[in-house]
Amino acid sequence: MAITIDLTPAVEARLRKEAEFHGIPTDRYVASLLEKTLLPPTGTPADLTTEEWRARLKQFIGSIKGRPLLHPEVLRREHLYNTDKDGNYID
């Protein structure tokens, strides 16, 4: 099915840029946006093609950019488990 849509130059430029970023033709990128919007999501990552999985991974990575990372202190053993510095469990 072919559909003609009048877009502003800014929207068209953004679509072309995003399609290029994802490494797919613009028309295919627009179709994927429509599918994601109109169709229910698949149940599990096993249902995804490699291309879909990579696209979702890129989307996820883009969504977390600029968020604070965990401070190294919170990854210390005594913070992960209920133990003291010597490794003894604390009740």
Protein backbone atom coordinates (compact mmCIF):
# COMPACT_ATOMS: atom_id res chain seq x y z
CA MET A 1 0.00 0.00 0.00
CA ALA A 2 1.32 3.41 -0.90
CA ILE A 3 0.37 6.50 1.11
CA THR A 4 1.32 10.09 0.37
CA ILE A 5 1.83 12.34 3.39
CA ASP A 6 2.72 16.04 3.30
CA LEU A 7 5.47 16.65 5.84
CA THR A 8 7.22 19.79 6.91
CA PRO A 9 10.85 19.99 5.78
CA ALA A 10 11.96 19.63 9.41
CA VAL A 11 10.00 16.40 9.92
CA GLU A 12 11.20 14.98 6.62
CA ALA A 13 14.81 15.79 7.49
CA ARG A 14 14.43 14.15 10.90
CA LEU A 15 12.93 11.00 9.37
CA ARG A 16 15.78 10.76 6.87
CA LYS A 17 18.36 11.29 9.62
CA GLU A 18 16.79 8.63 11.88
CA ALA A 19 16.50 6.15 9.01
CA GLU A 20 20.15 6.71 8.15
CA PHE A 21 21.10 6.21 11.81
CA HIS A 22 19.26 2.86 11.81
CA GLY A 23 20.81 1.94 8.47
CA ILE A 24 17.53 1.41 6.62
CA PRO A 25 15.70 3.25 3.81
CA THR A 26 13.44 6.09 4.91
CA ASP A 27 10.24 4.43 3.67
CA ARG A 28 11.05 1.27 5.61
CA TYR A 29 11.82 3.32 8.73
CA VAL A 30 8.48 5.13 8.48
CA ALA A 31 6.70 1.80 8.02
CA SER A 32 8.44 0.43 11.14
CA LEU A 33 7.31 3.48 13.14
CA LEU A 34 3.73 2.92 12.04
CA GLU A 35 3.91 -0.78 12.86
CA LYS A 36 5.29 -0.08 16.33
CA THR A 37 2.52 2.43 16.93
CA LEU A 38 -0.38 0.43 15.52
CA LEU A 39 0.47 -3.21 16.23
CA PRO A 40 0.74 -4.76 19.69
CA PRO A 41 4.30 -5.48 20.83
CA THR A 42 5.66 -8.97 20.53
CA GLY A 43 5.72 -11.07 23.65
CA THR A 44 9.37 -11.90 24.13
CA PRO A 45 12.78 -10.97 22.73
CA ALA A 46 12.87 -14.43 21.13
CA ASP A 47 10.07 -13.26 18.81
CA LEU A 48 12.25 -10.46 17.43
CA THR A 49 14.42 -10.61 14.37
CA THR A 50 18.05 -9.62 14.78
CA GLU A 51 17.32 -6.27 13.13
CA GLU A 52 14.37 -5.59 15.45
CA TRP A 53 16.42 -6.58 18.51
CA ARG A 54 19.25 -4.25 17.49
CA ALA A 55 16.81 -1.42 16.84
CA ARG A 56 15.25 -1.86 20.30
CA LEU A 57 18.67 -2.04 21.90
CA LYS A 58 19.70 1.22 20.19
CA GLN A 59 16.44 2.80 21.31
CA PHE A 60 17.06 1.67 24.90
CA ILE A 61 20.64 2.91 24.89
CA GLY A 62 19.46 6.25 23.55
CA SER A 63 16.85 6.49 26.29
CA ILE A 64 19.38 6.11 29.11
CA LYS A 65 22.02 8.53 27.79
CA GLY A 66 22.62 11.34 30.23
CA ARG A 67 21.18 9.50 33.21
CA PRO A 68 23.43 9.18 36.25
CA LEU A 69 25.45 6.00 36.56
CA LEU A 70 25.72 4.04 39.77
CA HIS A 71 28.40 5.27 42.10
CA PRO A 72 31.09 2.59 42.60
CA GLU A 73 30.42 2.65 46.36
CA VAL A 74 26.97 1.08 45.92
CA LEU A 75 28.55 -1.93 44.19
CA ARG A 76 30.67 -2.89 47.19
CA ARG A 77 29.88 -6.27 48.72
CA GLU A 78 28.55 -4.85 51.99
CA HIS A 79 26.04 -2.82 50.01
CA LEU A 80 24.94 -5.75 47.84
CA TYR A 81 24.64 -8.28 50.65
CA ASN A 82 23.79 -7.93 54.28
CA THR A 83 27.44 -8.29 55.40
CA ASP A 84 30.05 -6.26 57.19
CA LYS A 85 33.45 -5.36 55.74
CA ASP A 86 34.88 -8.72 56.84
CA GLY A 87 32.16 -10.65 54.97
CA ASN A 88 30.24 -11.66 58.11
CA TYR A 89 26.48 -11.71 57.68
CA ILE A 90 24.54 -9.17 59.68
CA ASP A 91 21.04 -9.96 60.90
